[in-house]
Protein backbone atom coordinates (compact mmCIF):
# COMPACT_ATOMS: atom_id res chain seq x y z
CA UNK A 1 -22.19 -3.01 1.17
CA UNK A 2 -24.94 -1.21 -0.67
CA UNK A 3 -25.90 -0.31 -4.19
CA UNK A 4 -29.26 1.35 -3.82
CA UNK A 5 -30.76 -0.90 -1.10
CA UNK A 6 -28.91 -4.14 -1.86
CA UNK A 7 -26.57 -5.32 0.90
CA UNK A 8 -23.89 -7.94 1.32
CA UNK A 9 -21.75 -8.82 4.31
CA UNK A 10 -19.44 -11.02 2.29
CA UNK A 11 -15.69 -10.67 2.42
CA UNK A 12 -12.93 -11.08 4.93
CA UNK A 13 -9.37 -9.94 5.53
CA UNK A 14 -6.97 -12.71 4.57
CA UNK A 15 -3.24 -12.79 5.25
CA UNK A 16 -0.57 -14.57 3.28
CA UNK A 17 -0.42 -18.23 4.29
CA UNK A 18 1.69 -21.13 3.06
CA UNK A 19 -0.04 -23.63 0.81
CA UNK A 20 -0.76 -27.15 2.02
CA UNK A 21 2.07 -28.36 -0.20
CA UNK A 22 4.52 -25.96 1.44
CA UNK A 23 3.44 -27.10 4.88
CA UNK A 24 4.19 -30.69 3.95
CA UNK A 25 7.62 -30.05 2.45
CA UNK A 26 9.28 -27.40 4.62
CA UNK A 27 11.19 -28.61 7.70
CA UNK A 28 9.58 -28.21 11.09
CA UNK A 29 11.60 -25.84 13.24
CA UNK A 30 11.09 -25.59 16.98
CA UNK A 31 12.85 -22.80 18.81
CA UNK A 32 13.86 -23.53 22.39
CA UNK A 33 14.87 -21.15 25.15
CA UNK A 34 16.81 -23.12 27.78
CA UNK A 35 17.26 -22.14 31.40
CA UNK A 36 21.06 -22.34 31.17
CA UNK A 37 23.53 -21.76 28.33
CA UNK A 38 24.69 -24.74 26.27
CA UNK A 39 27.46 -25.52 23.85
CA UNK A 40 26.36 -26.73 20.45
CA UNK A 41 27.79 -28.25 17.29
CA UNK A 42 26.18 -27.10 14.05
CA UNK A 43 24.46 -29.68 11.85
CA UNK A 44 24.28 -32.44 14.43
CA UNK A 45 24.20 -35.88 12.83
CA UNK A 46 20.71 -37.33 12.76
CA UNK A 47 21.92 -40.69 14.05
CA UNK A 48 23.64 -39.08 17.06
CA UNK A 49 21.60 -36.01 17.90
CA UNK A 50 22.81 -35.88 21.51
CA UNK A 51 26.28 -34.96 20.27
CA UNK A 52 24.95 -31.59 19.10
CA UNK A 53 24.65 -29.94 22.52
CA UNK A 54 26.21 -30.11 25.96
CA UNK A 55 26.02 -28.18 29.22
CA UNK A 56 29.21 -26.47 30.45
CA UNK A 57 27.66 -26.20 33.93
CA UNK A 58 26.71 -29.86 34.10
CA UNK A 59 22.93 -29.44 33.78
CA UNK A 60 21.18 -32.69 32.89
CA UNK A 61 19.96 -32.43 29.28
CA UNK A 62 18.77 -36.01 29.00
CA UNK A 63 15.12 -35.04 28.63
CA UNK A 64 15.92 -32.68 25.77
CA UNK A 65 18.13 -35.29 24.15
CA UNK A 66 15.39 -37.90 24.42
CA UNK A 67 12.79 -35.71 22.69
CA UNK A 68 15.23 -34.91 19.89
CA UNK A 69 16.01 -38.59 19.44
CA UNK A 70 12.37 -39.73 19.54
CA UNK A 71 11.40 -37.31 16.77
CA UNK A 72 14.44 -37.87 14.53
CA UNK A 73 16.18 -34.53 14.93
CA UNK A 74 17.81 -33.42 11.67
CA UNK A 75 19.84 -30.41 12.74
CA UNK A 76 20.59 -28.25 15.78
CA UNK A 77 21.53 -24.60 15.26
CA UNK A 78 22.14 -21.66 17.57
CA UNK A 79 19.30 -19.16 17.20
CA UNK A 80 21.77 -16.27 17.35
CA UNK A 81 24.22 -16.46 14.47
CA UNK A 82 26.74 -14.16 16.15
CA UNK A 83 27.21 -12.85 19.66
CA UNK A 84 29.53 -10.02 18.66
CA UNK A 85 28.42 -6.62 19.92
CA UNK A 86 30.04 -3.23 19.41
CA UNK A 87 30.46 -2.48 23.09
CA UNK A 88 31.29 1.18 22.62
CA UNK A 89 27.61 1.81 21.80
CA UNK A 90 26.20 -0.02 24.84
CA UNK A 91 25.05 2.10 27.79
CA UNK A 92 26.31 0.99 31.22
CA UNK A 93 22.75 0.34 32.45
CA UNK A 94 21.67 -1.45 29.28
CA UNK A 95 19.52 -4.58 29.41
CA UNK A 96 21.38 -5.94 26.40
CA UNK A 97 21.43 -9.74 26.39
CA UNK A 98 24.90 -10.95 27.36
CA UNK A 99 26.81 -13.35 25.11
CA UNK A 100 26.37 -16.28 27.48
CA UNK A 101 22.63 -15.71 27.67
CA UNK A 102 22.31 -15.91 23.88
CA UNK A 103 23.66 -19.44 24.10
CA UNK A 104 20.38 -20.47 25.72
CA UNK A 105 18.53 -20.25 22.41
CA UNK A 106 18.47 -23.14 19.91
CA UNK A 107 16.65 -23.91 16.67
CA UNK A 108 15.79 -27.59 16.44
CA UNK A 109 15.10 -28.86 12.92
CA UNK A 110 12.82 -31.89 12.64
CA UNK A 111 11.75 -33.76 9.47
CA UNK A 112 8.79 -32.51 7.38
CA UNK A 113 5.54 -33.81 8.80
CA UNK A 114 6.90 -34.18 12.35
CA UNK A 115 4.29 -33.98 15.10
CA UNK A 116 5.19 -30.47 16.13
CA UNK A 117 2.43 -30.10 18.72
CA UNK A 118 3.68 -33.20 20.56
CA UNK A 119 7.29 -32.01 20.33
CA UNK A 120 6.49 -28.56 21.72
CA UNK A 121 4.34 -30.01 24.49
CA UNK A 122 7.07 -32.42 25.59
CA UNK A 123 9.76 -29.74 25.51
CA UNK A 124 7.72 -27.30 27.58
CA UNK A 125 7.37 -29.93 30.30
CA UNK A 126 11.13 -30.34 30.70
CA UNK A 127 12.84 -28.65 33.68
CA UNK A 128 15.74 -27.48 31.51
CA UNK A 129 13.42 -25.68 29.03
CA UNK A 130 12.16 -22.16 29.68
CA UNK A 131 10.00 -22.04 26.52
CA UNK A 132 9.53 -23.90 23.25
CA UNK A 133 7.51 -22.80 20.22
CA UNK A 134 6.99 -23.86 16.63
CA UNK A 135 8.64 -21.24 14.43
CA UNK A 136 5.91 -19.37 12.56
CA UNK A 137 6.10 -18.46 8.90
CA UNK A 138 7.43 -14.91 8.43
CA UNK A 139 5.62 -12.59 6.02
CA UNK A 140 5.75 -8.83 5.27
CA UNK A 141 3.86 -6.71 7.85
CA UNK A 142 0.75 -6.36 5.75
CA UNK A 143 -1.99 -8.60 4.47
CA UNK A 144 -3.71 -9.21 1.16
CA UNK A 145 -7.26 -7.86 1.27
CA UNK A 146 -10.16 -9.90 -0.03
CA UNK A 147 -12.99 -7.40 0.23
CA UNK A 148 -16.02 -8.59 -1.74
CA UNK A 149 -15.71 -6.05 -4.55
CA UNK A 150 -12.07 -6.80 -5.35
CA UNK A 151 -12.71 -9.86 -7.47
CA UNK A 152 -9.88 -11.90 -8.93
CA UNK A 153 -9.40 -10.97 -12.57
CA UNK A 154 -8.73 -8.05 -14.90
CA UNK A 155 -11.95 -8.80 -16.75
CA UNK A 156 -15.15 -6.89 -15.94
CA UNK A 157 -17.50 -9.04 -13.89
CA UNK A 158 -20.67 -8.23 -11.95
CA UNK A 159 -21.90 -9.37 -8.57
CA UNK A 160 -25.42 -10.57 -9.40
CA UNK A 161 -26.67 -9.85 -5.88
CA UNK A 162 -25.82 -6.14 -5.94
CA UNK A 163 -25.21 -5.29 -9.59
CA UNK A 164 -21.81 -3.90 -8.60
CA UNK A 165 -18.76 -4.62 -10.70
CA UNK A 166 -15.51 -5.98 -9.29
CA UNK A 167 -12.23 -4.06 -9.17
CA UNK A 168 -10.86 -5.38 -12.47
CA UNK A 169 -8.42 -2.46 -12.61
CA UNK A 170 -6.53 -3.76 -9.55
CA UNK A 171 -5.38 -6.76 -11.56
CA UNK A 172 -4.88 -4.92 -14.85
CA UNK A 173 -2.47 -2.57 -13.06
CA UNK A 174 -0.84 -5.42 -11.06
CA UNK A 175 -1.66 -3.72 -7.76
CA UNK A 176 -2.36 -7.16 -6.30
CA UNK A 177 1.29 -8.05 -6.93
CA UNK A 178 2.44 -4.88 -5.17
CA UNK A 179 0.29 -5.75 -2.15
CA UNK A 180 2.63 -8.60 -1.31
CA UNK A 181 5.18 -5.93 -0.32
CA UNK A 182 3.26 -2.81 0.66
CA UNK A 183 -0.10 -1.37 1.62
CA UNK A 184 0.67 2.36 1.86
CA UNK A 185 1.41 2.26 5.58
CA UNK A 186 3.06 5.40 6.98
CA UNK A 187 2.35 7.41 3.80
CA UNK A 188 -0.15 10.28 3.43
CA UNK A 189 -2.33 11.02 0.40
CA UNK A 190 -3.83 14.50 0.49
CA UNK A 191 -6.73 14.63 -1.98
CA UNK A 192 -7.53 18.17 -3.10
CA UNK A 193 -11.04 17.77 -4.40
CA UNK A 194 -14.72 18.76 -4.41
CA UNK A 195 -15.82 17.40 -1.04
CA UNK A 196 -16.20 14.10 0.78
CA UNK A 197 -18.56 11.84 2.69
CA UNK A 198 -16.25 11.40 5.67
CA UNK A 199 -18.48 8.80 7.34
CA UNK A 200 -18.23 6.21 4.56
CA UNK A 201 -17.42 2.77 5.99
CA UNK A 202 -14.48 2.24 3.64
CA UNK A 203 -12.89 5.64 4.36
CA UNK A 204 -13.30 6.30 8.08
CA UNK A 205 -10.43 4.05 9.16
CA UNK A 206 -7.90 5.89 6.98
CA UNK A 207 -9.23 9.45 7.15
CA UNK A 208 -7.17 11.85 9.26
CA UNK A 209 -9.81 14.44 10.10
CA UNK A 210 -7.28 16.46 12.10
CA UNK A 211 -6.00 17.42 8.65
CA UNK A 212 -9.39 17.99 7.04
CA UNK A 213 -9.22 21.44 5.48
CA UNK A 214 -11.54 23.58 3.44
CA UNK A 215 -9.36 25.93 1.39
CA UNK A 216 -12.31 28.20 0.53
CA UNK A 217 -13.39 29.27 4.02
CA UNK A 218 -10.49 27.96 6.12
CA UNK A 219 -12.66 25.59 8.14
CA UNK A 220 -12.46 21.82 8.66
CA UNK A 221 -15.83 21.27 6.96
CA UNK A 222 -15.05 19.26 3.81
CA UNK A 223 -18.57 18.01 3.06
CA UNK A 224 -20.01 21.11 1.43
CA UNK A 225 -22.13 21.24 -1.73
CA UNK A 226 -23.47 18.81 -4.27
CA UNK A 227 -20.21 17.32 -5.60
CA UNK A 228 -19.00 15.38 -2.58
CA UNK A 229 -19.47 12.18 -4.55
CA UNK A 230 -16.32 13.12 -6.49
CA UNK A 231 -13.89 13.25 -3.59
CA UNK A 232 -15.54 10.22 -2.02
CA UNK A 233 -15.06 8.20 -5.20
CA UNK A 234 -11.47 9.36 -5.63
CA UNK A 235 -10.52 8.48 -2.06
CA UNK A 236 -12.09 5.06 -2.43
CA UNK A 237 -9.86 4.27 -5.39
CA UNK A 238 -6.77 5.67 -3.69
CA UNK A 239 -7.06 4.23 -0.20
CA UNK A 240 -10.33 2.56 0.76
CA UNK A 241 -9.55 0.46 3.82
CA UNK A 242 -9.19 -3.32 3.57
CA UNK A 243 -11.91 -4.14 6.10
CA UNK A 244 -13.91 -6.86 4.39
CA UNK A 245 -16.90 -4.57 3.87
CA UNK A 246 -16.71 -3.44 0.26
CA UNK A 247 -13.67 -2.44 -1.79
CA UNK A 248 -9.97 -1.87 -1.17
CA UNK A 249 -8.03 1.09 -2.51
CA UNK A 250 -4.61 0.80 -4.13
CA UNK A 251 -2.95 1.96 -0.89
CA UNK A 252 -5.42 0.51 1.60
CA UNK A 253 -3.32 1.41 4.67
CA UNK A 254 -2.41 4.98 3.66
CA UNK A 255 -3.58 7.97 5.65
CA UNK A 256 -6.04 10.26 3.83
CA UNK A 257 -6.23 14.03 4.20
CA UNK A 258 -9.52 15.37 2.79
CA UNK A 259 -9.00 18.83 1.30
CA UNK A 260 -11.97 20.63 -0.26
CA UNK A 261 -11.16 23.50 -2.61
CA UNK A 262 -14.32 24.29 -4.58
CA UNK A 263 -16.85 25.49 -2.01
CA UNK A 264 -17.15 26.39 1.66
CA UNK A 265 -20.01 26.86 4.07
CA UNK A 266 -18.53 30.02 5.56
CA UNK A 267 -17.33 33.31 4.12
CA UNK A 268 -14.79 32.81 1.33
CA UNK A 269 -11.22 33.76 2.08
CA UNK A 270 -9.28 35.75 -0.53
CA UNK A 271 -7.06 34.11 -3.10
CA UNK A 272 -7.00 31.06 -5.37
CA UNK A 273 -8.51 28.22 -3.34
CA UNK A 274 -6.78 25.40 -5.24
CA UNK A 275 -3.38 27.09 -5.05
CA UNK A 276 -3.95 27.77 -1.36
CA UNK A 277 -5.03 24.17 -0.81
CA UNK A 278 -1.70 22.97 -2.22
CA UNK A 279 0.20 25.53 -0.15
CA UNK A 280 -1.69 24.56 3.04
CA UNK A 281 -0.97 20.86 2.57
CA UNK A 282 2.68 21.64 1.82
CA UNK A 283 3.01 23.59 5.07
CA UNK A 284 1.74 20.81 7.36
CA UNK A 285 3.88 18.74 9.68
CA UNK A 286 3.66 15.12 8.52
CA UNK A 287 5.51 13.66 11.47
CA UNK A 288 8.17 12.26 9.17
CA UNK A 289 5.72 10.53 6.84
CA UNK A 290 6.03 10.94 3.08
CA UNK A 291 3.30 13.02 1.49
CA UNK A 292 1.51 12.79 -1.85
CA UNK A 293 -0.82 15.45 -3.23
CA UNK A 294 -3.60 14.14 -5.46
CA UNK A 295 -4.94 17.14 -7.40
CA UNK A 296 -8.45 16.55 -8.79
CA UNK A 297 -9.49 19.50 -10.92
CA UNK A 298 -9.69 20.49 -14.59
CA UNK A 299 -10.63 23.73 -16.34
CA UNK A 300 -14.15 24.48 -17.52
CA UNK A 301 -13.01 23.54 -21.01
CA UNK A 302 -11.72 20.20 -19.68
CA UNK A 303 -8.10 21.30 -19.86
CA UNK A 304 -5.08 20.84 -17.60
CA UNK A 305 -5.55 23.02 -14.52
CA UNK A 306 -1.80 23.56 -14.29
CA UNK A 307 -2.40 26.44 -16.71
CA UNK A 308 -3.47 28.57 -13.70
CA UNK A 309 -0.28 30.44 -12.70
CA UNK A 310 -0.73 30.29 -8.93
CA UNK A 311 -1.62 26.59 -9.05
CA UNK A 312 1.35 25.96 -11.30
CA UNK A 313 3.68 27.72 -8.85
CA UNK A 314 2.18 25.95 -5.82
CA UNK A 315 2.78 22.57 -7.47
CA UNK A 316 6.39 23.45 -8.24
CA UNK A 317 6.90 24.65 -4.66
CA UNK A 318 5.45 21.42 -3.25
CA UNK A 319 7.69 19.26 -5.43
CA UNK A 320 10.70 21.32 -4.36
CA UNK A 321 9.84 20.26 -0.80
CA UNK A 322 9.95 16.59 -1.77
CA UNK A 323 6.19 16.14 -2.09
CA UNK A 324 5.03 13.94 -4.96
CA UNK A 325 2.19 15.66 -6.83
CA UNK A 326 -0.17 13.67 -9.08
CA UNK A 327 -2.46 15.71 -11.34
CA UNK A 328 -5.45 14.65 -13.42
CA UNK A 329 -4.69 15.71 -16.99
CA UNK A 330 -8.33 16.45 -17.82
CA UNK A 331 -11.01 14.96 -20.04
CA UNK A 332 -11.16 17.23 -23.08
CA UNK A 333 -9.36 15.17 -25.73
CA UNK A 334 -6.80 17.96 -26.03
CA UNK A 335 -3.10 18.55 -25.52
CA UNK A 336 -2.42 18.71 -21.78
CA UNK A 337 0.65 20.85 -22.42
CA UNK A 338 -1.41 23.70 -23.82
CA UNK A 339 -3.73 25.93 -21.81
CA UNK A 340 -7.24 26.99 -22.72
CA UNK A 341 -5.68 30.21 -23.97
CA UNK A 342 -3.63 28.30 -26.55
CA UNK A 343 -0.34 29.02 -24.81
CA UNK A 344 2.15 26.41 -23.54
CA UNK A 345 1.79 25.51 -19.87
CA UNK A 346 4.96 25.91 -17.82
CA UNK A 347 6.17 22.40 -16.82
CA UNK A 348 5.69 21.71 -13.12
CA UNK A 349 7.39 18.35 -12.66
CA UNK A 350 4.12 16.77 -11.54
CA UNK A 351 3.01 13.27 -12.45
CA UNK A 352 0.37 14.20 -15.00
CA UNK A 353 -2.09 11.35 -15.44
CA UNK A 354 -4.10 10.19 -18.45
CA UNK A 355 -6.90 7.62 -18.65
CA UNK A 356 -7.47 4.35 -20.48
CA UNK A 357 -10.76 2.61 -21.19
CA UNK A 358 -11.70 -0.99 -20.51
CA UNK A 359 -10.77 -3.57 -23.10
CA UNK A 360 -10.61 -7.31 -22.41
CA UNK A 361 -7.02 -7.66 -23.61
CA UNK A 362 -5.49 -4.26 -24.43
CA UNK A 363 -4.85 -0.94 -22.75
CA UNK A 364 -6.41 1.69 -24.95
CA UNK A 365 -6.52 5.44 -24.47
CA UNK A 366 -9.94 6.66 -23.37
CA UNK A 367 -11.31 8.85 -26.17
CA UNK A 368 -11.86 11.77 -23.78
CA UNK A 369 -8.44 11.69 -22.10
CA UNK A 370 -6.17 14.67 -22.63
CA UNK A 371 -2.89 13.70 -24.23
CA UNK A 372 0.58 14.94 -25.07
CA UNK A 373 4.22 14.47 -24.23
CA UNK A 374 3.64 16.04 -20.81
CA UNK A 375 1.60 13.07 -19.60
CA UNK A 376 3.73 10.66 -17.59
CA UNK A 377 1.54 7.64 -16.93
CA UNK A 378 -2.02 6.44 -17.39
CA UNK A 379 -4.35 4.07 -15.59
CA UNK A 380 -7.90 2.82 -16.09
CA UNK A 381 -10.46 5.60 -15.91
CA UNK A 382 -13.42 4.02 -17.65
CA UNK A 383 -16.60 5.96 -16.90
CA UNK A 384 -18.64 2.77 -17.33
CA UNK A 385 -16.52 0.35 -15.33
CA UNK A 386 -14.85 1.94 -12.30
CA UNK A 387 -16.49 0.74 -9.09
CA UNK A 388 -15.83 2.94 -6.05
CA UNK A 389 -17.40 4.45 -2.94
CA UNK A 390 -20.67 6.34 -3.29
CA UNK A 391 -22.43 8.97 -1.16
CA UNK A 392 -26.02 7.71 -1.04
CA UNK A 393 -25.20 6.02 2.28
CA UNK A 394 -22.22 5.06 4.42
CA UNK A 395 -22.17 1.57 2.92
CA UNK A 396 -22.92 2.42 -0.72
CA UNK A 397 -20.85 1.92 -3.88
CA UNK A 398 -21.23 2.86 -7.50
CA UNK A 399 -20.16 1.64 -10.92
CA UNK A 400 -18.92 4.05 -13.57
CA UNK A 401 -16.73 6.66 -11.89
CA UNK A 402 -13.87 6.88 -14.37
CA UNK A 403 -12.22 9.73 -16.25
CA UNK A 404 -8.78 11.03 -15.42
CA UNK A 405 -10.41 11.60 -12.03
CA UNK A 406 -10.53 7.82 -11.62
CA UNK A 407 -7.10 7.21 -13.11
CA UNK A 408 -5.17 9.65 -10.90
CA UNK A 409 -5.92 8.10 -7.48
CA UNK A 410 -4.70 4.74 -8.81
CA UNK A 411 -1.38 6.42 -9.53
CA UNK A 412 -1.32 8.20 -6.16
CA UNK A 413 -2.08 4.93 -4.41
CA UNK A 414 0.74 3.22 -6.29
CA UNK A 415 3.14 6.01 -5.34
CA UNK A 416 2.14 5.48 -1.71
CA UNK A 417 3.12 1.81 -2.04
CA UNK A 418 6.44 2.84 -3.57
CA UNK A 419 7.18 5.33 -0.80
CA UNK A 420 6.36 2.78 1.87
CA UNK A 421 9.01 0.35 0.61
CA UNK A 422 11.49 3.16 -0.05
CA UNK A 423 10.76 6.46 1.74
CA UNK A 424 13.93 8.03 0.32
CA UNK A 425 12.64 8.25 -3.25
CA UNK A 426 12.58 11.75 -4.71
CA UNK A 427 9.62 12.95 -6.80
CA UNK A 428 11.82 12.72 -9.90
CA UNK A 429 12.86 9.14 -9.12
CA UNK A 430 9.24 8.13 -8.52
CA UNK A 431 8.37 9.48 -11.94
CA UNK A 432 11.31 7.74 -13.57
CA UNK A 433 10.33 4.39 -12.05
CA UNK A 434 6.72 4.71 -13.19
CA UNK A 435 7.91 5.37 -16.74
CA UNK A 436 10.55 2.61 -16.72
CA UNK A 437 8.15 -0.05 -15.46
CA UNK A 438 5.11 0.91 -17.51
CA UNK A 439 3.94 -0.60 -20.78
CA UNK A 440 2.80 0.88 -24.13
CA UNK A 441 -0.74 2.14 -24.62
CA UNK A 442 -2.74 1.89 -27.82
CA UNK A 443 -3.67 5.40 -28.89
CA UNK A 444 -4.25 7.58 -31.95
CA UNK A 445 -1.29 9.06 -33.78
CA UNK A 446 -0.13 12.24 -32.10
CA UNK A 447 -2.05 11.52 -28.90
CA UNK A 448 0.38 9.86 -26.47
CA UNK A 449 -0.65 9.42 -22.85
CA UNK A 450 2.56 8.08 -21.36
CA UNK A 451 2.89 4.49 -20.25
CA UNK A 452 0.34 2.17 -18.67
CA UNK A 453 0.71 1.67 -14.92
CA UNK A 454 2.37 -1.50 -13.62
CA UNK A 455 2.09 -1.10 -9.87
CA UNK A 456 3.74 -4.42 -9.08
CA UNK A 457 6.84 -3.67 -11.13
CA UNK A 458 7.01 -0.08 -9.87
CA UNK A 459 6.99 -1.17 -6.23
CA UNK A 460 9.58 -3.87 -6.90
CA UNK A 461 11.91 -1.38 -8.58
CA UNK A 462 11.32 1.19 -5.84
CA UNK A 463 12.34 -1.38 -3.26
CA UNK A 464 15.52 -2.15 -5.20
CA UNK A 465 16.59 1.51 -5.30
CA UNK A 466 19.32 2.64 -2.87
CA UNK A 467 17.94 4.08 0.36
């Protein structure tokens, strides 16, 4: 991890684990696979554990009964709750486990603190036992990252070794709460931007370079020009990988499509490059994965780029295909519903994103953020306090990214978490959930910027929606 030439190898990838207190209080469950089926009685009495099981075929279960007795068995349960199968759906050559075979599996409940290693070892030595294991704790199929730049609080703090700030915005937006349920797996974020450092250590794992596209010259070269720090910083906030090296993006397991739309190394193709970038992304086969477009562009007067007719139409077309489109509202302290020409911008249905600035206890509109009733949701975009990936080297990071450019990938990352837990959400429902779960923002009269992002609540509500 580098800021200038300072490095740190701190950080590791940590999964959810039970606390020591939980380990001491939860029952010890050992699952046993026997060599022959048994009959069992649920909730065997602790004083007569041998009455819980018997062998219809006369197999000697005395060894099993002795281990249960020695370790004060509390309860014996069948591992399979039901053996009923809808036979009309079973192929004749199926390897489906037969009902009698399911009766070989038992869950043995021992008291808290039982010597589980000794129990498992004894059981695995018995001739009547095929296999015995301690039942592991079950958790969602993701892990909580602890990369060194994440930190642990929504207050700005600095790593004295590198001078880099921690990701305070993760906790202010409750993304850490959402991570208990989702990581962005099986969701794509296509960032339409100003170029990328595709070799950055926090991006390479999630970048899908088979979908790298330069909308200016039609090539796959997306590292053209002097503004590649922008796309690199945006992608870091959206989906930097949880690899223990530096930071973690909001959707740290999402797939990233780098789309450059400002400049190409080859001859320019005709047409509006940003509109064509949206159209190209919309035309791609995602393999069944949900797709989010993160549009990072504003007008030269810092206005909402949706004022451009072709871009406006391309956004509407993408949304009609079920693609969620998140758009940076711009940094001109102006109404995002009005174009630079003073005329109203046709609504697109996008998730238009505003920015807040850092405050120790409140969420306050950033003075530069565009505003208006069109803005759906806002997130931190503080140009002094947004740490993200940098382009000075493959292991470099920077403080002070910010703007609506920094706010929008936090929303896109959150949407990726929502779509992972509920892939059936429509773009309209995603927007409704973000609004319903957000909180008020302190702003000047007449300058609303939607609600403040609550990623944890948004993911929870998305999960509760009908599929």
